N, C-alpha and C. Protein backbone atom coordinates (compact mmCIF):
# COMPACT_ATOMS: atom_id res chain seq x y z
N MET A 1 8.26 -42.89 25.18
CA MET A 1 7.18 -42.08 25.63
C MET A 1 6.40 -41.66 24.42
N ALA A 2 5.13 -41.88 24.57
CA ALA A 2 4.30 -41.71 23.40
C ALA A 2 3.53 -40.21 23.63
N LEU A 3 3.45 -39.61 22.51
CA LEU A 3 2.79 -38.26 22.50
C LEU A 3 1.40 -38.46 22.20
N ASP A 4 0.61 -37.78 23.04
CA ASP A 4 -0.97 -37.79 22.85
C ASP A 4 -1.23 -36.57 22.02
N CYS A 5 -2.48 -36.72 21.66
CA CYS A 5 -2.91 -35.52 20.72
C CYS A 5 -2.93 -34.15 21.25
N THR A 6 -2.78 -33.91 22.54
CA THR A 6 -2.83 -32.57 23.15
C THR A 6 -1.38 -32.13 23.19
N SER A 7 -0.63 -33.07 23.62
CA SER A 7 0.86 -32.60 23.63
C SER A 7 1.49 -32.46 22.43
N LEU A 8 1.02 -33.22 21.31
CA LEU A 8 1.50 -32.78 19.97
C LEU A 8 0.88 -31.48 19.52
N THR A 9 -0.27 -31.21 19.68
CA THR A 9 -0.65 -29.87 19.38
C THR A 9 -0.03 -28.79 20.02
N LYS A 10 0.39 -28.90 21.32
CA LYS A 10 1.20 -27.81 21.89
C LYS A 10 2.61 -27.97 21.45
N LEU A 11 3.14 -28.87 21.10
CA LEU A 11 4.34 -28.87 20.35
C LEU A 11 4.43 -28.28 19.04
N THR A 12 3.42 -28.45 18.25
CA THR A 12 3.32 -27.83 16.82
C THR A 12 3.12 -26.39 17.19
N LEU A 13 2.11 -26.06 18.06
CA LEU A 13 2.13 -24.65 18.42
C LEU A 13 3.47 -23.83 18.87
N VAL A 14 4.19 -24.46 19.78
CA VAL A 14 5.37 -24.01 20.20
C VAL A 14 6.34 -23.78 18.98
N LEU A 15 6.42 -24.75 18.13
CA LEU A 15 7.30 -24.82 16.95
C LEU A 15 6.96 -23.73 16.05
N CYS A 16 5.62 -23.46 15.73
CA CYS A 16 5.08 -22.34 15.01
C CYS A 16 5.36 -21.27 15.38
N VAL A 17 5.21 -20.78 16.59
CA VAL A 17 5.55 -19.64 17.17
C VAL A 17 7.12 -19.29 17.23
N ALA A 18 7.89 -20.36 17.43
CA ALA A 18 9.32 -20.18 17.26
C ALA A 18 9.72 -19.79 16.09
N ALA A 19 9.07 -20.46 15.01
CA ALA A 19 9.46 -20.31 13.65
C ALA A 19 8.98 -18.71 13.22
N ALA A 20 7.94 -18.37 13.65
CA ALA A 20 7.44 -16.99 13.47
C ALA A 20 8.19 -15.99 13.83
N CYS A 21 8.82 -16.25 15.09
CA CYS A 21 9.69 -15.12 15.78
C CYS A 21 11.09 -15.06 15.13
N GLY A 22 11.38 -16.26 14.52
CA GLY A 22 12.68 -16.34 13.77
C GLY A 22 12.69 -15.61 12.43
N PHE A 23 11.56 -15.57 11.76
CA PHE A 23 11.38 -15.02 10.46
C PHE A 23 10.40 -13.61 10.70
N PRO A 24 11.12 -12.41 10.46
CA PRO A 24 10.36 -11.19 10.54
C PRO A 24 9.11 -11.34 9.37
N PRO A 25 7.80 -10.80 9.86
CA PRO A 25 6.92 -10.79 8.91
C PRO A 25 7.05 -9.72 7.88
N VAL A 26 6.36 -9.98 6.69
CA VAL A 26 6.61 -8.97 5.68
C VAL A 26 5.86 -7.70 6.08
N SER A 27 4.89 -7.68 6.81
CA SER A 27 4.20 -6.46 7.02
C SER A 27 4.87 -5.56 8.11
N SER A 28 6.11 -6.14 8.69
CA SER A 28 6.86 -5.38 9.67
C SER A 28 7.50 -4.12 8.96
N CYS A 29 7.83 -4.27 7.64
CA CYS A 29 8.41 -3.37 6.61
C CYS A 29 7.39 -2.16 6.33
N SER A 30 6.16 -2.33 6.41
CA SER A 30 5.32 -1.48 5.86
C SER A 30 5.38 -0.11 6.25
N GLY A 31 5.45 0.26 7.68
CA GLY A 31 5.41 1.64 8.19
C GLY A 31 6.58 2.44 7.75
N ALA A 32 7.75 1.88 8.10
CA ALA A 32 8.94 2.63 7.84
C ALA A 32 9.17 2.60 6.28
N TYR A 33 9.17 1.57 5.62
CA TYR A 33 9.22 1.26 4.46
C TYR A 33 8.29 2.35 3.59
N GLU A 34 7.11 2.45 3.98
CA GLU A 34 6.09 3.23 3.35
C GLU A 34 6.58 4.76 3.41
N ARG A 35 7.03 5.15 4.63
CA ARG A 35 7.44 6.56 4.87
C ARG A 35 8.74 6.95 3.98
N ALA A 36 9.75 5.86 4.05
CA ALA A 36 10.88 6.03 3.16
C ALA A 36 10.59 6.28 1.68
N ILE A 37 9.64 5.24 1.20
CA ILE A 37 9.26 5.39 -0.27
C ILE A 37 8.59 6.58 -0.48
N SER A 38 7.72 7.14 0.42
CA SER A 38 6.87 8.51 0.19
C SER A 38 7.96 9.59 0.30
N ASP A 39 8.67 9.49 1.29
CA ASP A 39 9.74 10.58 1.42
C ASP A 39 10.70 11.02 0.38
N PHE A 40 11.37 9.75 -0.20
CA PHE A 40 12.46 9.86 -1.06
C PHE A 40 11.95 9.59 -2.37
N CYS A 41 11.35 8.43 -2.74
CA CYS A 41 11.04 8.06 -4.21
C CYS A 41 9.92 8.72 -4.62
N VAL A 42 8.88 8.82 -4.13
CA VAL A 42 7.66 9.35 -4.70
C VAL A 42 7.73 10.95 -4.72
N THR A 43 8.36 11.47 -3.72
CA THR A 43 8.58 12.99 -3.74
C THR A 43 9.19 13.30 -5.11
N LYS A 44 10.46 12.62 -5.34
CA LYS A 44 11.29 12.82 -6.45
C LYS A 44 10.65 12.65 -7.56
N PHE A 45 9.99 11.54 -7.69
CA PHE A 45 9.11 11.22 -8.86
C PHE A 45 8.10 12.29 -9.16
N SER A 46 7.30 12.69 -8.13
CA SER A 46 6.37 13.87 -8.34
C SER A 46 7.01 15.10 -8.86
N LEU A 47 8.17 15.47 -8.26
CA LEU A 47 9.00 16.75 -8.69
C LEU A 47 9.34 16.61 -10.29
N ASP A 48 9.90 15.31 -10.53
CA ASP A 48 10.29 15.26 -11.91
C ASP A 48 9.12 15.11 -13.04
N MET A 49 8.06 14.60 -12.55
CA MET A 49 6.81 14.86 -13.45
C MET A 49 6.22 16.21 -13.54
N GLU A 50 6.27 16.80 -12.48
CA GLU A 50 5.82 18.31 -12.38
C GLU A 50 6.54 19.00 -13.32
N ALA A 51 7.94 18.88 -13.45
CA ALA A 51 8.78 19.55 -14.24
C ALA A 51 8.66 19.33 -15.59
N LEU A 52 8.11 18.32 -16.06
CA LEU A 52 7.64 17.77 -17.46
C LEU A 52 6.39 18.58 -17.67
N ASP A 53 6.13 19.03 -18.96
CA ASP A 53 4.98 19.46 -19.50
C ASP A 53 3.95 18.38 -19.29
N GLN A 54 2.75 18.82 -18.85
CA GLN A 54 1.55 17.52 -18.85
C GLN A 54 1.28 16.89 -19.97
N SER A 55 1.44 17.58 -21.02
CA SER A 55 1.40 17.06 -22.41
C SER A 55 2.38 15.92 -22.74
N LEU A 56 3.53 15.92 -22.00
CA LEU A 56 4.45 14.85 -22.29
C LEU A 56 4.28 13.75 -21.37
N TRP A 57 3.37 13.70 -20.48
CA TRP A 57 3.38 12.64 -19.57
C TRP A 57 2.97 11.21 -20.23
N CYS A 58 2.40 11.23 -21.19
CA CYS A 58 2.18 10.03 -22.09
C CYS A 58 3.13 9.73 -23.02
N SER A 59 4.19 10.41 -23.06
CA SER A 59 5.35 10.16 -24.03
C SER A 59 6.43 9.23 -23.17
N TRP A 60 6.51 8.03 -23.55
CA TRP A 60 7.29 7.08 -22.92
C TRP A 60 8.85 7.59 -23.06
N SER A 61 9.24 8.08 -23.93
CA SER A 61 10.55 8.72 -24.08
C SER A 61 11.01 9.86 -23.00
N ASP A 62 9.82 10.50 -22.67
CA ASP A 62 10.10 11.70 -21.78
C ASP A 62 9.94 11.19 -20.23
N THR A 63 9.07 10.02 -20.23
CA THR A 63 8.79 9.69 -18.80
C THR A 63 9.53 8.44 -18.30
N PHE A 64 10.30 7.84 -19.21
CA PHE A 64 11.04 6.75 -18.94
C PHE A 64 12.15 6.91 -17.74
N GLN A 65 12.71 8.02 -17.80
CA GLN A 65 13.89 8.18 -16.73
C GLN A 65 13.32 8.28 -15.44
N PRO A 66 12.31 9.21 -15.20
CA PRO A 66 11.69 9.36 -13.77
C PRO A 66 11.04 7.97 -13.43
N TYR A 67 10.45 7.22 -14.35
CA TYR A 67 9.80 6.05 -14.02
C TYR A 67 10.62 5.06 -13.59
N GLU A 68 11.85 4.85 -14.30
CA GLU A 68 12.86 4.10 -14.02
C GLU A 68 13.58 4.26 -12.58
N GLU A 69 13.79 5.48 -12.43
CA GLU A 69 14.37 6.02 -11.13
C GLU A 69 13.42 5.71 -9.83
N LEU A 70 12.06 5.86 -10.05
CA LEU A 70 11.15 5.44 -9.19
C LEU A 70 11.34 3.93 -9.02
N THR A 71 11.27 3.24 -9.89
CA THR A 71 11.26 1.74 -9.71
C THR A 71 12.55 1.36 -8.91
N ASN A 72 13.79 1.99 -9.51
CA ASN A 72 15.05 1.44 -8.84
C ASN A 72 15.00 2.09 -7.20
N CYS A 73 14.52 3.06 -7.10
CA CYS A 73 14.45 3.70 -5.58
C CYS A 73 13.64 2.77 -4.75
N THR A 74 12.40 2.40 -5.25
CA THR A 74 11.69 1.45 -4.33
C THR A 74 12.36 0.24 -4.24
N PHE A 75 12.92 -0.37 -5.22
CA PHE A 75 13.62 -1.60 -5.03
C PHE A 75 14.86 -1.49 -4.08
N PHE A 76 15.82 -0.36 -3.99
CA PHE A 76 16.92 -0.25 -3.39
C PHE A 76 16.52 -0.03 -1.92
N MET A 77 15.40 0.63 -1.74
CA MET A 77 14.78 0.96 -0.30
C MET A 77 14.39 -0.21 0.27
N ALA A 78 13.78 -1.29 -0.59
CA ALA A 78 13.35 -2.55 -0.08
C ALA A 78 14.60 -3.33 0.41
N LEU A 79 15.55 -3.25 -0.35
CA LEU A 79 16.84 -3.99 -0.27
C LEU A 79 17.57 -3.58 1.03
N LYS A 80 17.80 -2.18 1.16
CA LYS A 80 18.32 -1.66 2.54
C LYS A 80 17.62 -1.91 3.66
N MET A 81 16.14 -1.94 3.64
CA MET A 81 15.27 -2.38 4.89
C MET A 81 15.04 -3.69 4.94
N HIS A 82 15.45 -4.45 4.06
CA HIS A 82 15.37 -5.97 4.23
C HIS A 82 13.72 -6.37 4.14
N CYS A 83 13.22 -5.69 3.01
CA CYS A 83 11.97 -5.91 2.80
C CYS A 83 11.81 -6.65 1.46
N PHE A 84 10.77 -7.40 1.21
CA PHE A 84 10.49 -8.07 -0.08
C PHE A 84 10.16 -6.95 -0.99
N TRP A 85 10.63 -7.26 -2.22
CA TRP A 85 10.18 -6.39 -3.34
C TRP A 85 10.08 -7.16 -4.52
N PRO A 86 8.85 -6.98 -5.43
CA PRO A 86 7.80 -6.11 -5.25
C PRO A 86 6.91 -6.70 -4.03
N ASN A 87 6.00 -5.74 -3.52
CA ASN A 87 5.05 -6.27 -2.58
C ASN A 87 3.74 -5.61 -2.75
N ARG A 88 2.90 -5.70 -1.93
CA ARG A 88 1.57 -5.27 -1.97
C ARG A 88 1.51 -3.75 -1.98
N LEU A 89 2.46 -3.15 -1.16
CA LEU A 89 2.52 -1.69 -1.02
C LEU A 89 3.08 -1.05 -2.36
N ILE A 90 3.98 -1.71 -2.97
CA ILE A 90 4.60 -1.27 -4.37
C ILE A 90 3.47 -1.29 -5.23
N ASP A 91 2.85 -2.41 -5.27
CA ASP A 91 1.77 -2.65 -6.27
C ASP A 91 0.66 -1.53 -6.19
N GLU A 92 0.38 -1.12 -4.91
CA GLU A 92 -0.80 -0.09 -4.73
C GLU A 92 -0.17 1.29 -5.11
N LEU A 93 1.23 1.44 -4.85
CA LEU A 93 1.85 2.80 -5.14
C LEU A 93 1.86 2.94 -6.76
N PHE A 94 2.19 1.93 -7.49
CA PHE A 94 2.22 2.07 -8.79
C PHE A 94 0.81 2.20 -9.50
N ILE A 95 -0.10 1.60 -8.94
CA ILE A 95 -1.43 1.68 -9.41
C ILE A 95 -1.90 3.29 -9.29
N ARG A 96 -1.59 3.75 -8.08
CA ARG A 96 -1.95 5.09 -7.59
C ARG A 96 -1.36 5.99 -8.53
N LEU A 97 -0.11 5.88 -8.84
CA LEU A 97 0.60 6.76 -9.70
C LEU A 97 0.13 6.62 -11.15
N HIS A 98 -0.13 5.58 -11.61
CA HIS A 98 -0.82 5.23 -13.05
C HIS A 98 -2.02 6.03 -13.02
N ARG A 99 -2.84 5.98 -11.96
CA ARG A 99 -4.08 6.59 -11.99
C ARG A 99 -3.83 8.14 -11.90
N ASP A 100 -3.00 8.64 -11.03
CA ASP A 100 -2.67 10.08 -11.12
C ASP A 100 -2.14 10.75 -12.19
N TYR A 101 -1.13 10.02 -12.82
CA TYR A 101 -0.37 10.61 -13.82
C TYR A 101 -0.50 10.12 -15.43
N PHE A 102 -1.00 8.86 -15.61
CA PHE A 102 -1.00 8.23 -16.91
C PHE A 102 -2.45 7.91 -17.13
N HIS A 103 -3.59 8.31 -16.38
CA HIS A 103 -4.96 7.95 -16.71
C HIS A 103 -5.45 8.38 -18.20
N ASP A 104 -4.89 9.38 -18.70
CA ASP A 104 -5.37 9.91 -19.99
C ASP A 104 -4.59 9.36 -21.12
N CYS A 105 -3.67 8.62 -20.91
CA CYS A 105 -2.66 8.00 -22.03
C CYS A 105 -3.43 6.99 -22.88
N ALA A 106 -3.37 7.10 -24.08
CA ALA A 106 -4.02 6.09 -25.11
C ALA A 106 -3.24 4.97 -24.96
N LEU A 107 -3.66 3.77 -25.36
CA LEU A 107 -3.06 2.49 -25.57
C LEU A 107 -2.39 2.37 -26.92
N THR A 108 -2.53 3.43 -27.82
CA THR A 108 -1.85 3.12 -29.13
C THR A 108 -0.43 3.14 -28.87
N GLY A 109 0.17 2.37 -29.69
CA GLY A 109 1.80 2.05 -29.63
C GLY A 109 1.88 0.96 -28.80
N ARG A 110 1.13 0.51 -27.93
CA ARG A 110 1.47 -0.57 -26.92
C ARG A 110 0.69 -1.74 -27.31
N LEU A 111 -0.52 -1.45 -27.99
CA LEU A 111 -1.22 -2.75 -28.30
C LEU A 111 -0.66 -3.74 -29.19
N LEU A 112 -0.92 -4.89 -28.77
CA LEU A 112 -0.17 -6.03 -29.57
C LEU A 112 -0.88 -6.10 -31.28
N ARG A 113 -0.04 -6.30 -32.02
CA ARG A 113 -0.65 -6.33 -33.47
C ARG A 113 -0.07 -7.69 -34.09
N ASP A 114 -0.81 -8.11 -34.99
CA ASP A 114 -0.39 -9.31 -35.66
C ASP A 114 0.87 -9.09 -36.55
N PRO A 115 1.81 -9.90 -36.53
CA PRO A 115 3.04 -9.81 -37.39
C PRO A 115 2.63 -9.57 -38.93
N PRO A 116 3.41 -9.05 -39.72
CA PRO A 116 3.13 -8.86 -41.20
C PRO A 116 2.87 -10.38 -41.81
N ILE A 117 2.22 -10.30 -42.89
CA ILE A 117 1.74 -11.38 -43.54
C ILE A 117 2.92 -12.18 -44.09
N ARG A 118 4.18 -11.60 -44.50
CA ARG A 118 5.34 -12.48 -44.97
C ARG A 118 5.95 -13.21 -43.81
N ILE A 119 5.75 -12.78 -42.43
CA ILE A 119 5.91 -13.61 -41.34
C ILE A 119 5.11 -14.65 -41.01
N LEU A 120 3.90 -14.13 -40.88
CA LEU A 120 2.68 -15.03 -40.56
C LEU A 120 2.10 -16.12 -41.41
N GLY A 121 2.45 -15.81 -42.73
CA GLY A 121 2.13 -16.65 -43.78
C GLY A 121 2.64 -18.14 -43.64
N PRO A 122 4.02 -18.18 -43.49
CA PRO A 122 4.66 -19.45 -43.38
C PRO A 122 4.38 -20.18 -42.10
N PHE A 123 3.94 -19.54 -41.05
CA PHE A 123 3.47 -20.38 -39.77
C PHE A 123 2.19 -20.92 -39.86
N ILE A 124 1.50 -20.42 -40.79
CA ILE A 124 0.16 -20.83 -41.07
C ILE A 124 0.17 -21.92 -42.32
N GLY A 125 0.83 -21.64 -43.42
CA GLY A 125 0.83 -22.46 -44.59
C GLY A 125 1.49 -23.79 -44.42
N VAL A 126 2.64 -23.61 -43.77
CA VAL A 126 3.45 -24.76 -43.51
C VAL A 126 2.82 -26.00 -42.88
N PRO A 127 2.18 -25.66 -41.80
CA PRO A 127 1.40 -26.80 -40.91
C PRO A 127 0.22 -27.29 -41.86
N VAL A 128 -0.39 -26.44 -42.54
CA VAL A 128 -1.57 -26.81 -43.19
C VAL A 128 -1.08 -27.81 -44.41
N LEU A 129 -0.11 -27.37 -45.10
CA LEU A 129 0.43 -28.24 -46.17
C LEU A 129 0.95 -29.56 -45.58
N VAL A 130 1.69 -29.62 -44.49
CA VAL A 130 2.16 -30.89 -43.92
C VAL A 130 1.19 -31.75 -43.59
N THR A 131 -0.17 -31.12 -42.98
CA THR A 131 -1.32 -31.79 -42.57
C THR A 131 -1.84 -32.58 -43.78
N LEU A 132 -1.96 -31.78 -44.75
CA LEU A 132 -2.75 -32.21 -46.06
C LEU A 132 -1.76 -33.53 -46.65
N LEU A 133 -0.33 -33.09 -46.62
CA LEU A 133 0.59 -34.08 -47.16
C LEU A 133 0.54 -35.39 -46.24
N MET A 134 0.54 -35.38 -45.05
CA MET A 134 0.48 -36.63 -44.18
C MET A 134 -0.74 -37.35 -44.50
N THR A 135 -1.94 -36.67 -44.51
CA THR A 135 -3.25 -37.21 -44.69
C THR A 135 -3.26 -38.07 -45.85
N ALA A 136 -2.76 -37.44 -47.16
CA ALA A 136 -2.53 -37.93 -48.48
C ALA A 136 -1.84 -39.33 -48.42
N LEU A 137 -0.77 -39.09 -47.77
CA LEU A 137 0.28 -40.24 -47.52
C LEU A 137 -0.46 -41.48 -46.81
N VAL A 138 -1.10 -41.20 -45.73
CA VAL A 138 -1.80 -42.32 -45.07
C VAL A 138 -2.88 -42.96 -45.81
N VAL A 139 -3.60 -42.04 -46.60
CA VAL A 139 -4.61 -42.71 -47.44
C VAL A 139 -4.02 -43.51 -48.71
N TRP A 140 -2.89 -43.06 -49.24
CA TRP A 140 -2.31 -43.79 -50.21
C TRP A 140 -1.63 -44.95 -49.77
N SER A 141 -0.99 -44.90 -48.62
CA SER A 141 -0.39 -46.12 -48.05
C SER A 141 -1.30 -47.21 -47.58
N GLY A 142 -2.65 -46.73 -47.31
CA GLY A 142 -3.70 -47.77 -47.03
C GLY A 142 -4.31 -48.28 -48.38
N LYS A 143 -4.29 -47.65 -49.35
CA LYS A 143 -4.68 -48.23 -50.71
C LYS A 143 -3.77 -49.16 -51.16
N CYS A 144 -2.37 -48.96 -50.93
CA CYS A 144 -1.42 -49.89 -51.40
C CYS A 144 -1.25 -51.16 -50.84
N ARG A 145 -1.86 -51.41 -49.58
CA ARG A 145 -1.82 -52.86 -48.88
C ARG A 145 -2.81 -53.71 -49.44
């Protein structure tokens, strides 16, 4: 029995629908998951942050624990509700919380810096010297022939 194009398309459509029904979509978590995160995780984080003096919100040592608890809470909620983590909802949540709580924090202390010259020097000097030495060796061996 040969399959024509129409029956092959129908078979593909049936298989796709069957596969989609077998695997719950990620968006099915969004409603209940969002409510759970809001009720438990964000509420606790907001209370913890409000308990801190606002001048300490930019101090990582003071905000580390509430931030870690929020991260862990969102992860365990996702785990219990069989949702993916991280997901779009979590990304948007953390962006919103950073905008609300950490928008005035300076980037100092977190900026990348060059290493000290005693560490950087050998990483620059050794390749330059090896390159010069190899060039001299190639020129010298070419003259000796």
